[in-house]
């Protein structure tokens, strides 16, 4: 964490909670005429002190060189970075407990850009089923057209089935990614993330390449499930849902290690899938009330589920909060999730 004043995450030795940090982390009013809140930076291009500085910043952004000791990167062009995006990414990384975050024009833009970053023709991808419909279409149609073959498993708790699918995928080509959605949309199906990590480690031994474990955390993230703490390498969110919370924008994010997020950001800059300044600003607004909104949604969902479970005309309710002892899902839910 940076030591500058606007990236402080502690007071004395007390670490501040995400709810507190959403109010001002990553922004200094001194940078914007004393404005308490970040303005919307509606600009395509940024001014450099001289031509050499412009070249240096572009080389950094393009990955042609690394930061020198004591050097700070600068803003270049809004397809690569802009102030609203950088502030939003800093704050989302706090919620995800990640080193870095990247935001995108939609949840599907986040997923597609991540696939382009790690998949190559001839590769295979292991994934849970069901997936969000847009993701299913992406893997079957678009990635298939690029020579990537998807292999799905239907029971995210059956480690033997998952290993068998991994074996079949490896026989077809290099397994380059494990992509899971847990809980799944719309079934609330769970995937054992510890098992996914173990399979990724086994594949590294057998094929000489460790596929990143990528988790779509939209249904419980970023408050009630932390995939990166459960062995995942990257955590995806559709910011359109709980994070945005007002049905007035679309966006997506991916969080993880600095090294992996850097790879995805490189493709984001080339594809132009970045999130615009206004949507970033609106999401920063939404992050200030995220904890309150998700807490209330959780309370309401429990009341609705309990009512429906006792209703004579309802055959089954897919709600994870009322799992009973002996249900094979309960151990995974208790380990991975803090609410339903």
C-alpha atoms as a PDB file:
ATOM      1  CA  UNK A   1       0.000   0.000   0.000  1.00  0.00           C
ATOM      2  CA  UNK A   2       1.308   3.448  -0.915  1.00  0.00           C
ATOM      3  CA  UNK A   3       2.470   5.714   1.880  1.00  0.00           C
ATOM      4  CA  UNK A   4       1.112   8.934   0.344  1.00  0.00           C
ATOM      5  CA  UNK A   5      -1.628  10.687   2.272  1.00  0.00           C
ATOM      6  CA  UNK A   6      -4.514   9.724   0.019  1.00  0.00           C
ATOM      7  CA  UNK A   7      -3.679   6.008   0.044  1.00  0.00           C
ATOM      8  CA  UNK A   8      -3.591   5.638   3.823  1.00  0.00           C
ATOM      9  CA  UNK A   9      -5.479   2.580   5.047  1.00  0.00           C
ATOM     10  CA  UNK A  10      -4.671   2.956   8.753  1.00  0.00           C
ATOM     11  CA  UNK A  11      -4.975   5.403  11.614  1.00  0.00           C
ATOM     12  CA  UNK A  12      -2.034   4.751  13.918  1.00  0.00           C
ATOM     13  CA  UNK A  13      -1.954   0.940  14.017  1.00  0.00           C
ATOM     14  CA  UNK A  14      -5.670   0.516  13.403  1.00  0.00           C
ATOM     15  CA  UNK A  15      -6.559  -0.794   9.950  1.00  0.00           C
ATOM     16  CA  UNK A  16      -9.578   0.972   8.489  1.00  0.00           C
ATOM     17  CA  UNK A  17     -12.555  -1.018   7.242  1.00  0.00           C
ATOM     18  CA  UNK A  18     -13.507  -0.997   3.541  1.00  0.00           C
ATOM     19  CA  UNK A  19     -16.704   0.909   4.360  1.00  0.00           C
ATOM     20  CA  UNK A  20     -14.596   3.796   5.712  1.00  0.00           C
ATOM     21  CA  UNK A  21     -12.019   3.706   2.927  1.00  0.00           C
ATOM     22  CA  UNK A  22     -14.711   4.004   0.239  1.00  0.00           C
ATOM     23  CA  UNK A  23     -15.249   7.628   1.272  1.00  0.00           C
ATOM     24  CA  UNK A  24     -11.895   8.995   0.167  1.00  0.00           C
ATOM     25  CA  UNK A  25      -9.226   6.379  -0.524  1.00  0.00           C
ATOM     26  CA  UNK A  26      -7.080   7.065  -3.585  1.00  0.00           C
ATOM     27  CA  UNK A  27      -8.107  10.706  -3.984  1.00  0.00           C
ATOM     28  CA  UNK A  28      -6.644  13.983  -2.731  1.00  0.00           C
ATOM     29  CA  UNK A  29      -8.754  17.181  -2.904  1.00  0.00           C
ATOM     30  CA  UNK A  30      -5.489  19.088  -3.384  1.00  0.00           C
ATOM     31  CA  UNK A  31      -5.285  17.579  -6.862  1.00  0.00           C
ATOM     32  CA  UNK A  32      -8.650  19.018  -7.921  1.00  0.00           C
ATOM     33  CA  UNK A  33      -9.027  22.594  -6.700  1.00  0.00           C
ATOM     34  CA  UNK A  34     -10.010  21.423  -3.206  1.00  0.00           C
ATOM     35  CA  UNK A  35     -13.087  19.543  -4.398  1.00  0.00           C
ATOM     36  CA  UNK A  36     -14.175  17.179  -1.614  1.00  0.00           C
ATOM     37  CA  UNK A  37     -15.342  14.582  -4.137  1.00  0.00           C
ATOM     38  CA  UNK A  38     -13.445  13.599  -7.287  1.00  0.00           C
ATOM     39  CA  UNK A  39     -14.765  15.405 -10.356  1.00  0.00           C
ATOM     40  CA  UNK A  40     -15.593  13.508 -13.529  1.00  0.00           C
ATOM     41  CA  UNK A  41     -12.488  13.792 -15.720  1.00  0.00           C
ATOM     42  CA  UNK A  42     -13.989  14.134 -19.194  1.00  0.00           C
ATOM     43  CA  UNK A  43     -10.806  14.154 -21.239  1.00  0.00           C
ATOM     44  CA  UNK A  44      -9.258  11.856 -23.790  1.00  0.00           C
ATOM     45  CA  UNK A  45      -5.654  13.047 -23.472  1.00  0.00           C
ATOM     46  CA  UNK A  46      -3.305  14.268 -20.738  1.00  0.00           C
ATOM     47  CA  UNK A  47      -0.564  16.905 -20.860  1.00  0.00           C
ATOM     48  CA  UNK A  48       3.097  15.959 -20.357  1.00  0.00           C
ATOM     49  CA  UNK A  49       5.853  18.196 -19.043  1.00  0.00           C
ATOM     50  CA  UNK A  50       7.880  17.429 -22.157  1.00  0.00           C
ATOM     51  CA  UNK A  51       8.094  14.960 -25.036  1.00  0.00           C
ATOM     52  CA  UNK A  52      10.470  12.665 -23.157  1.00  0.00           C
ATOM     53  CA  UNK A  53       8.023  12.309 -20.272  1.00  0.00           C
ATOM     54  CA  UNK A  54       5.290  11.442 -22.759  1.00  0.00           C
ATOM     55  CA  UNK A  55       7.462   8.749 -24.300  1.00  0.00           C
ATOM     56  CA  UNK A  56       8.371   7.365 -20.880  1.00  0.00           C
ATOM     57  CA  UNK A  57       4.736   7.171 -19.765  1.00  0.00           C
ATOM     58  CA  UNK A  58       3.653   5.494 -23.014  1.00  0.00           C
ATOM     59  CA  UNK A  59       6.477   2.954 -22.705  1.00  0.00           C
ATOM     60  CA  UNK A  60       5.331   2.134 -19.180  1.00  0.00           C
ATOM     61  CA  UNK A  61       1.708   1.774 -20.230  1.00  0.00           C
ATOM     62  CA  UNK A  62       2.626  -0.435 -23.179  1.00  0.00           C
ATOM     63  CA  UNK A  63       4.831  -2.644 -21.009  1.00  0.00           C
ATOM     64  CA  UNK A  64       8.006  -1.790 -22.912  1.00  0.00           C
ATOM     65  CA  UNK A  65       9.767  -0.920 -19.649  1.00  0.00           C
ATOM     66  CA  UNK A  66       9.258  -1.177 -15.888  1.00  0.00           C
ATOM     67  CA  UNK A  67       9.097   1.555 -13.263  1.00  0.00           C
ATOM     68  CA  UNK A  68      12.459   2.752 -12.035  1.00  0.00           C
ATOM     69  CA  UNK A  69      13.084   2.960  -8.261  1.00  0.00           C
ATOM     70  CA  UNK A  70      11.246   5.988  -6.882  1.00  0.00           C
ATOM     71  CA  UNK A  71       9.455   6.658 -10.195  1.00  0.00           C
ATOM     72  CA  UNK A  72       5.681   7.072 -10.455  1.00  0.00           C
ATOM     73  CA  UNK A  73       3.643   6.322 -13.545  1.00  0.00           C
ATOM     74  CA  UNK A  74       1.497   9.024 -15.111  1.00  0.00           C
ATOM     75  CA  UNK A  75      -1.697   9.401 -17.084  1.00  0.00           C
ATOM     76  CA  UNK A  76      -1.431   8.906 -20.815  1.00  0.00           C
ATOM     77  CA  UNK A  77      -4.696   8.435 -22.692  1.00  0.00           C
ATOM     78  CA  UNK A  78      -8.142   7.514 -21.383  1.00  0.00           C
ATOM     79  CA  UNK A  79      -8.186   4.191 -23.214  1.00  0.00           C
ATOM     80  CA  UNK A  80      -5.342   3.120 -20.929  1.00  0.00           C
ATOM     81  CA  UNK A  81      -5.991   5.025 -17.710  1.00  0.00           C
ATOM     82  CA  UNK A  82      -7.793   8.038 -16.312  1.00  0.00           C
ATOM     83  CA  UNK A  83      -8.219   9.423 -12.772  1.00  0.00           C
ATOM     84  CA  UNK A  84     -11.740   8.131 -12.164  1.00  0.00           C
ATOM     85  CA  UNK A  85     -10.763   4.636 -13.265  1.00  0.00           C
ATOM     86  CA  UNK A  86      -7.634   4.569 -11.111  1.00  0.00           C
ATOM     87  CA  UNK A  87      -9.508   5.686  -7.985  1.00  0.00           C
ATOM     88  CA  UNK A  88     -12.262   3.122  -8.561  1.00  0.00           C
ATOM     89  CA  UNK A  89      -9.741   0.331  -9.109  1.00  0.00           C
ATOM     90  CA  UNK A  90      -7.902   1.227  -5.902  1.00  0.00           C
ATOM     91  CA  UNK A  91     -11.141   1.034  -3.916  1.00  0.00           C
ATOM     92  CA  UNK A  92     -12.395  -2.206  -5.462  1.00  0.00           C
ATOM     93  CA  UNK A  93      -9.034  -3.848  -4.749  1.00  0.00           C
ATOM     94  CA  UNK A  94      -9.648  -3.110  -1.062  1.00  0.00           C
ATOM     95  CA  UNK A  95     -12.983  -4.946  -1.087  1.00  0.00           C
ATOM     96  CA  UNK A  96     -11.494  -7.900  -2.969  1.00  0.00           C
ATOM     97  CA  UNK A  97      -8.366  -7.936  -0.747  1.00  0.00           C
ATOM     98  CA  UNK A  98      -6.283  -7.894  -3.926  1.00  0.00           C
ATOM     99  CA  UNK A  99      -3.015  -6.334  -5.006  1.00  0.00           C
ATOM    100  CA  UNK A 100      -4.582  -4.777  -8.096  1.00  0.00           C
ATOM    101  CA  UNK A 101      -7.893  -4.361  -9.899  1.00  0.00           C
ATOM    102  CA  UNK A 102      -8.947  -3.512 -13.458  1.00  0.00           C
ATOM    103  CA  UNK A 103     -12.393  -2.236 -14.458  1.00  0.00           C
ATOM    104  CA  UNK A 104     -14.219  -2.683 -17.753  1.00  0.00           C
ATOM    105  CA  UNK A 105     -17.158  -1.435 -19.792  1.00  0.00           C
ATOM    106  CA  UNK A 106     -19.296  -4.418 -18.685  1.00  0.00           C
ATOM    107  CA  UNK A 107     -19.057  -7.709 -16.870  1.00  0.00           C
ATOM    108  CA  UNK A 108     -18.778  -9.494 -20.208  1.00  0.00           C
ATOM    109  CA  UNK A 109     -15.994  -7.104 -21.244  1.00  0.00           C
ATOM    110  CA  UNK A 110     -14.104  -8.184 -18.115  1.00  0.00           C
ATOM    111  CA  UNK A 111     -14.628 -11.886 -18.858  1.00  0.00           C
ATOM    112  CA  UNK A 112     -13.838 -11.617 -22.579  1.00  0.00           C
ATOM    113  CA  UNK A 113     -10.702  -9.527 -22.026  1.00  0.00           C
ATOM    114  CA  UNK A 114      -9.495 -12.008 -19.413  1.00  0.00           C
ATOM    115  CA  UNK A 115     -10.050 -14.892 -21.832  1.00  0.00           C
ATOM    116  CA  UNK A 116      -8.062 -13.107 -24.541  1.00  0.00           C
ATOM    117  CA  UNK A 117      -5.256 -12.490 -22.048  1.00  0.00           C
ATOM    118  CA  UNK A 118      -4.754 -16.148 -21.152  1.00  0.00           C
ATOM    119  CA  UNK A 119      -6.191 -18.354 -23.930  1.00  0.00           C
ATOM    120  CA  UNK A 120      -4.504 -19.197 -27.237  1.00  0.00           C
ATOM    121  CA  UNK A 121      -5.557 -21.290 -30.276  1.00  0.00           C
ATOM    122  CA  UNK A 122      -5.339 -24.969 -29.410  1.00  0.00           C
ATOM    123  CA  UNK A 123      -5.856 -24.358 -25.682  1.00  0.00           C
ATOM    124  CA  UNK A 124      -8.668 -25.751 -23.574  1.00  0.00           C
ATOM    125  CA  UNK A 125     -10.611 -24.145 -20.741  1.00  0.00           C
ATOM    126  CA  UNK A 126     -12.288 -25.978 -17.858  1.00  0.00           C
ATOM    127  CA  UNK A 127     -15.459 -24.350 -16.571  1.00  0.00           C
ATOM    128  CA  UNK A 128     -18.353 -24.939 -14.217  1.00  0.00           C
ATOM    129  CA  UNK A 129     -21.901 -25.382 -15.460  1.00  0.00           C
ATOM    130  CA  UNK A 130     -24.195 -23.572 -15.556  1.00  0.00           C
ATOM    131  CA  UNK A 131     -22.531 -20.263 -16.333  1.00  0.00           C
ATOM    132  CA  UNK A 132     -24.121 -16.890 -16.987  1.00  0.00           C
ATOM    133  CA  UNK A 133     -25.649 -17.063 -20.475  1.00  0.00           C
ATOM    134  CA  UNK A 134     -23.301 -14.472 -21.946  1.00  0.00           C
ATOM    135  CA  UNK A 135     -20.290 -16.407 -20.680  1.00  0.00           C
ATOM    136  CA  UNK A 136     -21.636 -19.689 -22.078  1.00  0.00           C
ATOM    137  CA  UNK A 137     -22.049 -18.048 -25.490  1.00  0.00           C
ATOM    138  CA  UNK A 138     -18.567 -16.509 -25.353  1.00  0.00           C
ATOM    139  CA  UNK A 139     -16.890 -19.848 -24.633  1.00  0.00           C
ATOM    140  CA  UNK A 140     -18.929 -21.908 -27.072  1.00  0.00           C
ATOM    141  CA  UNK A 141     -19.103 -19.526 -30.021  1.00  0.00           C
ATOM    142  CA  UNK A 142     -16.512 -16.739 -29.929  1.00  0.00           C
ATOM    143  CA  UNK A 143     -13.662 -18.565 -28.178  1.00  0.00           C
ATOM    144  CA  UNK A 144     -14.492 -21.690 -30.149  1.00  0.00           C
ATOM    145  CA  UNK A 145     -13.979 -19.703 -33.339  1.00  0.00           C
ATOM    146  CA  UNK A 146     -10.462 -18.898 -32.100  1.00  0.00           C
ATOM    147  CA  UNK A 147      -9.636 -22.573 -31.610  1.00  0.00           C
ATOM    148  CA  UNK A 148     -10.243 -22.774 -27.859  1.00  0.00           C
ATOM    149  CA  UNK A 149     -12.203 -25.809 -26.641  1.00  0.00           C
ATOM    150  CA  UNK A 150     -14.350 -25.571 -23.482  1.00  0.00           C
ATOM    151  CA  UNK A 151     -14.817 -28.529 -21.127  1.00  0.00           C
ATOM    152  CA  UNK A 152     -17.555 -28.201 -18.511  1.00  0.00           C
ATOM    153  CA  UNK A 153     -18.349 -30.005 -15.270  1.00  0.00           C
ATOM    154  CA  UNK A 154     -21.822 -29.982 -13.727  1.00  0.00           C
ATOM    155  CA  UNK A 155     -21.093 -30.735 -10.068  1.00  0.00           C
ATOM    156  CA  UNK A 156     -18.690 -28.323  -8.427  1.00  0.00           C
ATOM    157  CA  UNK A 157     -18.557 -30.474  -5.300  1.00  0.00           C
ATOM    158  CA  UNK A 158     -17.626 -33.716  -7.088  1.00  0.00           C
ATOM    159  CA  UNK A 159     -13.836 -33.542  -7.156  1.00  0.00           C
ATOM    160  CA  UNK A 160     -13.575 -36.841  -9.047  1.00  0.00           C
ATOM    161  CA  UNK A 161     -15.773 -35.465 -11.840  1.00  0.00           C
ATOM    162  CA  UNK A 162     -13.762 -32.246 -11.941  1.00  0.00           C
ATOM    163  CA  UNK A 163     -10.496 -34.196 -12.216  1.00  0.00           C
ATOM    164  CA  UNK A 164     -11.941 -36.359 -14.989  1.00  0.00           C
ATOM    165  CA  UNK A 165     -12.950 -33.263 -16.967  1.00  0.00           C
ATOM    166  CA  UNK A 166      -9.455 -31.836 -16.403  1.00  0.00           C
ATOM    167  CA  UNK A 167      -7.953 -35.072 -17.740  1.00  0.00           C
ATOM    168  CA  UNK A 168     -10.144 -34.944 -20.854  1.00  0.00           C
ATOM    169  CA  UNK A 169      -9.305 -31.278 -21.426  1.00  0.00           C
ATOM    170  CA  UNK A 170      -5.566 -31.903 -21.053  1.00  0.00           C
ATOM    171  CA  UNK A 171      -5.764 -34.709 -23.616  1.00  0.00           C
ATOM    172  CA  UNK A 172      -7.178 -32.213 -26.129  1.00  0.00           C
ATOM    173  CA  UNK A 173      -4.720 -29.348 -25.515  1.00  0.00           C
ATOM    174  CA  UNK A 174      -3.045 -27.172 -22.924  1.00  0.00           C
ATOM    175  CA  UNK A 175      -5.450 -26.332 -20.104  1.00  0.00           C
ATOM    176  CA  UNK A 176      -5.009 -22.560 -19.968  1.00  0.00           C
ATOM    177  CA  UNK A 177      -7.745 -21.484 -17.547  1.00  0.00           C
ATOM    178  CA  UNK A 178     -10.194 -22.772 -14.958  1.00  0.00           C
ATOM    179  CA  UNK A 179     -13.277 -20.515 -14.972  1.00  0.00           C
ATOM    180  CA  UNK A 180     -16.008 -21.040 -12.396  1.00  0.00           C
ATOM    181  CA  UNK A 181     -19.093 -19.195 -11.242  1.00  0.00           C
ATOM    182  CA  UNK A 182     -19.967 -19.713  -7.592  1.00  0.00           C
ATOM    183  CA  UNK A 183     -22.694 -19.388  -6.532  1.00  0.00           C
ATOM    184  CA  UNK A 184     -24.005 -20.003 -10.035  1.00  0.00           C
ATOM    185  CA  UNK A 185     -26.587 -17.847 -11.775  1.00  0.00           C
ATOM    186  CA  UNK A 186     -29.466 -18.774 -11.486  1.00  0.00           C
ATOM    187  CA  UNK A 187     -29.220 -22.116  -9.640  1.00  0.00           C
ATOM    188  CA  UNK A 188     -27.058 -21.064  -6.665  1.00  0.00           C
ATOM    189  CA  UNK A 189     -24.855 -24.079  -7.380  1.00  0.00           C
ATOM    190  CA  UNK A 190     -21.545 -24.064  -5.509  1.00  0.00           C
ATOM    191  CA  UNK A 191     -18.024 -24.858  -6.685  1.00  0.00           C
ATOM    192  CA  UNK A 192     -15.312 -25.996  -4.280  1.00  0.00           C
ATOM    193  CA  UNK A 193     -12.557 -23.419  -4.824  1.00  0.00           C
ATOM    194  CA  UNK A 194      -9.993 -25.403  -2.835  1.00  0.00           C
ATOM    195  CA  UNK A 195     -10.537 -28.280  -5.272  1.00  0.00           C
ATOM    196  CA  UNK A 196     -10.070 -25.912  -8.226  1.00  0.00           C
ATOM    197  CA  UNK A 197      -6.766 -24.719  -6.776  1.00  0.00           C
ATOM    198  CA  UNK A 198      -5.618 -28.312  -6.233  1.00  0.00           C
ATOM    199  CA  UNK A 199      -6.475 -29.250  -9.824  1.00  0.00           C
ATOM    200  CA  UNK A 200      -4.626 -26.176 -11.140  1.00  0.00           C
ATOM    201  CA  UNK A 201      -1.568 -27.217  -9.114  1.00  0.00           C
ATOM    202  CA  UNK A 202      -1.797 -30.778 -10.468  1.00  0.00           C
ATOM    203  CA  UNK A 203      -2.021 -29.477 -14.033  1.00  0.00           C
ATOM    204  CA  UNK A 204       1.090 -27.384 -13.486  1.00  0.00           C
ATOM    205  CA  UNK A 205       2.961 -30.580 -12.631  1.00  0.00           C
ATOM    206  CA  UNK A 206       1.563 -32.610 -15.520  1.00  0.00           C
ATOM    207  CA  UNK A 207       1.650 -30.024 -18.322  1.00  0.00           C
ATOM    208  CA  UNK A 208       4.255 -27.511 -17.158  1.00  0.00           C
ATOM    209  CA  UNK A 209       1.775 -24.626 -17.069  1.00  0.00           C
ATOM    210  CA  UNK A 210      -0.492 -23.620 -14.203  1.00  0.00           C
ATOM    211  CA  UNK A 211      -3.868 -22.381 -15.425  1.00  0.00           C
ATOM    212  CA  UNK A 212      -5.170 -19.425 -13.422  1.00  0.00           C
ATOM    213  CA  UNK A 213      -8.312 -20.117 -11.398  1.00  0.00           C
ATOM    214  CA  UNK A 214     -10.776 -17.366 -12.330  1.00  0.00           C
ATOM    215  CA  UNK A 215     -13.958 -16.955 -10.262  1.00  0.00           C
ATOM    216  CA  UNK A 216     -17.061 -15.027 -11.268  1.00  0.00           C
ATOM    217  CA  UNK A 217     -17.984 -13.683  -7.827  1.00  0.00           C
ATOM    218  CA  UNK A 218     -20.955 -11.574  -8.926  1.00  0.00           C
ATOM    219  CA  UNK A 219     -23.630 -13.330  -6.854  1.00  0.00           C
ATOM    220  CA  UNK A 220     -21.959 -12.755  -3.458  1.00  0.00           C
ATOM    221  CA  UNK A 221     -19.119 -10.346  -4.107  1.00  0.00           C
ATOM    222  CA  UNK A 222     -17.438  -8.327  -3.017  1.00  0.00           C
ATOM    223  CA  UNK A 223     -18.829  -8.467   0.546  1.00  0.00           C
ATOM    224  CA  UNK A 224     -19.896 -12.044   1.243  1.00  0.00           C
ATOM    225  CA  UNK A 225     -17.259 -14.102  -0.570  1.00  0.00           C
ATOM    226  CA  UNK A 226     -13.516 -13.533  -1.052  1.00  0.00           C
ATOM    227  CA  UNK A 227     -12.319 -15.980  -3.756  1.00  0.00           C
ATOM    228  CA  UNK A 228      -8.712 -14.791  -3.577  1.00  0.00           C
ATOM    229  CA  UNK A 229      -8.569 -15.962   0.045  1.00  0.00           C
ATOM    230  CA  UNK A 230      -9.909 -19.380  -1.013  1.00  0.00           C
ATOM    231  CA  UNK A 231      -7.211 -20.131  -3.580  1.00  0.00           C
ATOM    232  CA  UNK A 232      -8.487 -18.326  -6.672  1.00  0.00           C
ATOM    233  CA  UNK A 233      -6.047 -16.299  -8.768  1.00  0.00           C
ATOM    234  CA  UNK A 234      -8.517 -13.765 -10.174  1.00  0.00           C
ATOM    235  CA  UNK A 235     -11.932 -12.598  -8.966  1.00  0.00           C
ATOM    236  CA  UNK A 236     -14.457 -11.232 -11.469  1.00  0.00           C
ATOM    237  CA  UNK A 237     -17.474  -9.029 -10.789  1.00  0.00           C
ATOM    238  CA  UNK A 238     -20.287  -7.682 -12.869  1.00  0.00           C
ATOM    239  CA  UNK A 239     -20.378  -4.206 -11.342  1.00  0.00           C
ATOM    240  CA  UNK A 240     -23.807  -3.790 -12.923  1.00  0.00           C
ATOM    241  CA  UNK A 241     -25.337  -5.859 -10.118  1.00  0.00           C
ATOM    242  CA  UNK A 242     -24.739  -5.323  -6.381  1.00  0.00           C
ATOM    243  CA  UNK A 243     -21.828  -2.889  -6.683  1.00  0.00           C
ATOM    244  CA  UNK A 244     -23.646  -0.470  -8.987  1.00  0.00           C
ATOM    245  CA  UNK A 245     -26.905  -1.258  -7.288  1.00  0.00           C
ATOM    246  CA  UNK A 246     -29.193   1.220  -9.059  1.00  0.00           C
ATOM    247  CA  UNK A 247     -29.764  -0.311 -12.533  1.00  0.00           C
ATOM    248  CA  UNK A 248     -28.296   2.807 -14.142  1.00  0.00           C
ATOM    249  CA  UNK A 249     -24.940   1.567 -15.484  1.00  0.00           C
ATOM    250  CA  UNK A 250     -23.026  -1.465 -16.710  1.00  0.00           C
ATOM    251  CA  UNK A 251     -19.486  -2.351 -15.704  1.00  0.00           C
ATOM    252  CA  UNK A 252     -17.153  -5.165 -14.749  1.00  0.00           C
ATOM    253  CA  UNK A 253     -13.961  -5.757 -12.805  1.00  0.00           C
ATOM    254  CA  UNK A 254     -11.221  -8.274 -12.212  1.00  0.00           C
ATOM    255  CA  UNK A 255      -8.933  -8.364  -9.178  1.00  0.00           C
ATOM    256  CA  UNK A 256      -5.864 -10.374  -8.265  1.00  0.00           C
ATOM    257  CA  UNK A 257      -2.093 -10.235  -8.182  1.00  0.00           C
ATOM    258  CA  UNK A 258      -0.304  -7.319  -9.812  1.00  0.00           C
ATOM    259  CA  UNK A 259       1.323  -9.666 -12.345  1.00  0.00           C
ATOM    260  CA  UNK A 260      -1.921 -11.263 -13.559  1.00  0.00           C
ATOM    261  CA  UNK A 261      -3.931  -8.038 -13.603  1.00  0.00           C
ATOM    262  CA  UNK A 262      -1.139  -6.391 -15.611  1.00  0.00           C
ATOM    263  CA  UNK A 263      -1.581  -9.028 -18.329  1.00  0.00           C
ATOM    264  CA  UNK A 264      -5.317  -8.364 -18.490  1.00  0.00           C
ATOM    265  CA  UNK A 265      -4.822  -4.582 -18.532  1.00  0.00           C
ATOM    266  CA  UNK A 266      -2.488  -4.931 -21.508  1.00  0.00           C
ATOM    267  CA  UNK A 267      -5.299  -6.554 -23.486  1.00  0.00           C
ATOM    268  CA  UNK A 268      -7.815  -4.025 -22.171  1.00  0.00           C
ATOM    269  CA  UNK A 269      -5.730  -1.199 -23.612  1.00  0.00           C
ATOM    270  CA  UNK A 270      -5.535  -2.903 -27.000  1.00  0.00           C
ATOM    271  CA  UNK A 271      -9.204  -3.911 -27.156  1.00  0.00           C
ATOM    272  CA  UNK A 272     -10.570  -0.670 -25.710  1.00  0.00           C
ATOM    273  CA  UNK A 273     -12.771  -2.379 -23.109  1.00  0.00           C
ATOM    274  CA  UNK A 274     -12.061   0.171 -20.358  1.00  0.00           C
ATOM    275  CA  UNK A 275     -14.802   1.807 -18.283  1.00  0.00           C
ATOM    276  CA  UNK A 276     -15.698   5.433 -19.007  1.00  0.00           C
ATOM    277  CA  UNK A 277     -15.114   8.243 -16.459  1.00  0.00           C
ATOM    278  CA  UNK A 278     -18.791   8.911 -15.724  1.00  0.00           C
ATOM    279  CA  UNK A 279     -19.585   5.265 -14.961  1.00  0.00           C
ATOM    280  CA  UNK A 280     -16.476   5.066 -12.776  1.00  0.00           C
ATOM    281  CA  UNK A 281     -17.669   8.111 -10.841  1.00  0.00           C
ATOM    282  CA  UNK A 282     -21.143   6.608 -10.374  1.00  0.00           C
ATOM    283  CA  UNK A 283     -19.618   3.372  -9.099  1.00  0.00           C
ATOM    284  CA  UNK A 284     -17.505   5.304  -6.601  1.00  0.00           C
ATOM    285  CA  UNK A 285     -20.768   6.808  -5.358  1.00  0.00           C
ATOM    286  CA  UNK A 286     -22.283   3.339  -5.087  1.00  0.00           C
ATOM    287  CA  UNK A 287     -19.320   1.929  -3.170  1.00  0.00           C
ATOM    288  CA  UNK A 288     -20.055   4.352  -0.335  1.00  0.00           C
ATOM    289  CA  UNK A 289     -23.337   2.520   0.382  1.00  0.00           C
ATOM    290  CA  UNK A 290     -22.374  -0.996  -0.745  1.00  0.00           C
ATOM    291  CA  UNK A 291     -22.101  -2.485   2.735  1.00  0.00           C
ATOM    292  CA  UNK A 292     -25.480  -1.126   3.833  1.00  0.00           C
ATOM    293  CA  UNK A 293     -27.245  -2.207   0.631  1.00  0.00           C
ATOM    294  CA  UNK A 294     -25.836  -5.738   0.550  1.00  0.00           C
ATOM    295  CA  UNK A 295     -26.549  -6.228   4.257  1.00  0.00           C
ATOM    296  CA  UNK A 296     -30.184  -5.232   3.775  1.00  0.00           C
ATOM    297  CA  UNK A 297     -30.509  -7.361   0.638  1.00  0.00           C
ATOM    298  CA  UNK A 298     -29.205 -10.341   2.615  1.00  0.00           C
ATOM    299  CA  UNK A 299     -31.713  -9.751   5.420  1.00  0.00           C
ATOM    300  CA  UNK A 300     -34.597  -9.412   2.969  1.00  0.00           C
ATOM    301  CA  UNK A 301     -33.592 -12.509   0.982  1.00  0.00           C
ATOM    302  CA  UNK A 302     -33.657 -14.611   4.143  1.00  0.00           C
ATOM    303  CA  UNK A 303     -37.180 -13.439   4.999  1.00  0.00           C
ATOM    304  CA  UNK A 304     -38.459 -14.122   1.480  1.00  0.00           C
ATOM    305  CA  UNK A 305     -36.803 -17.557   1.344  1.00  0.00           C
ATOM    306  CA  UNK A 306     -38.255 -18.601   4.698  1.00  0.00           C
ATOM    307  CA  UNK A 307     -41.727 -17.513   3.601  1.00  0.00           C
ATOM    308  CA  UNK A 308     -41.512 -19.383   0.295  1.00  0.00           C
ATOM    309  CA  UNK A 309     -40.115 -22.555   1.875  1.00  0.00           C
ATOM    310  CA  UNK A 310     -43.305 -22.915   3.909  1.00  0.00           C
ATOM    311  CA  UNK A 311     -45.642 -22.001   1.043  1.00  0.00           C
ATOM    312  CA  UNK A 312     -47.813 -24.930  -0.106  1.00  0.00           C
ATOM    313  CA  UNK A 313     -47.514 -24.004  -3.783  1.00  0.00           C
ATOM    314  CA  UNK A 314     -43.701 -23.757  -3.830  1.00  0.00           C
ATOM    315  CA  UNK A 315     -41.884 -27.032  -4.539  1.00  0.00           C
ATOM    316  CA  UNK A 316     -38.294 -25.896  -3.948  1.00  0.00           C
ATOM    317  CA  UNK A 317     -36.373 -22.778  -2.968  1.00  0.00           C
ATOM    318  CA  UNK A 318     -32.748 -22.415  -4.078  1.00  0.00           C
ATOM    319  CA  UNK A 319     -31.413 -20.496  -1.084  1.00  0.00           C
ATOM    320  CA  UNK A 320     -28.023 -21.241   0.444  1.00  0.00           C
ATOM    321  CA  UNK A 321     -28.650 -19.571   3.776  1.00  0.00           C
ATOM    322  CA  UNK A 322     -30.805 -22.411   5.103  1.00  0.00           C
ATOM    323  CA  UNK A 323     -28.620 -25.408   4.221  1.00  0.00           C
ATOM    324  CA  UNK A 324     -29.028 -28.227   6.722  1.00  0.00           C
ATOM    325  CA  UNK A 325     -26.338 -30.321   8.394  1.00  0.00           C
ATOM    326  CA  UNK A 326     -25.564 -33.299   6.199  1.00  0.00           C
ATOM    327  CA  UNK A 327     -26.110 -31.373   2.975  1.00  0.00           C
ATOM    328  CA  UNK A 328     -22.824 -31.750   1.025  1.00  0.00           C
ATOM    329  CA  UNK A 329     -23.024 -28.085   0.034  1.00  0.00           C
ATOM    330  CA  UNK A 330     -22.974 -26.835   3.616  1.00  0.00           C
ATOM    331  CA  UNK A 331     -19.287 -27.472   4.318  1.00  0.00           C
ATOM    332  CA  UNK A 332     -18.243 -25.623   1.152  1.00  0.00           C
ATOM    333  CA  UNK A 333     -20.694 -22.787   1.810  1.00  0.00           C
ATOM    334  CA  UNK A 334     -19.493 -22.361   5.400  1.00  0.00           C
ATOM    335  CA  UNK A 335     -15.863 -22.311   4.262  1.00  0.00           C
ATOM    336  CA  UNK A 336     -16.251 -19.915   1.330  1.00  0.00           C
ATOM    337  CA  UNK A 337     -19.222 -17.663   2.087  1.00  0.00           C
ATOM    338  CA  UNK A 338     -20.304 -15.460   4.967  1.00  0.00           C
ATOM    339  CA  UNK A 339     -23.929 -14.957   3.866  1.00  0.00           C
ATOM    340  CA  UNK A 340     -26.362 -15.975   1.144  1.00  0.00           C
END
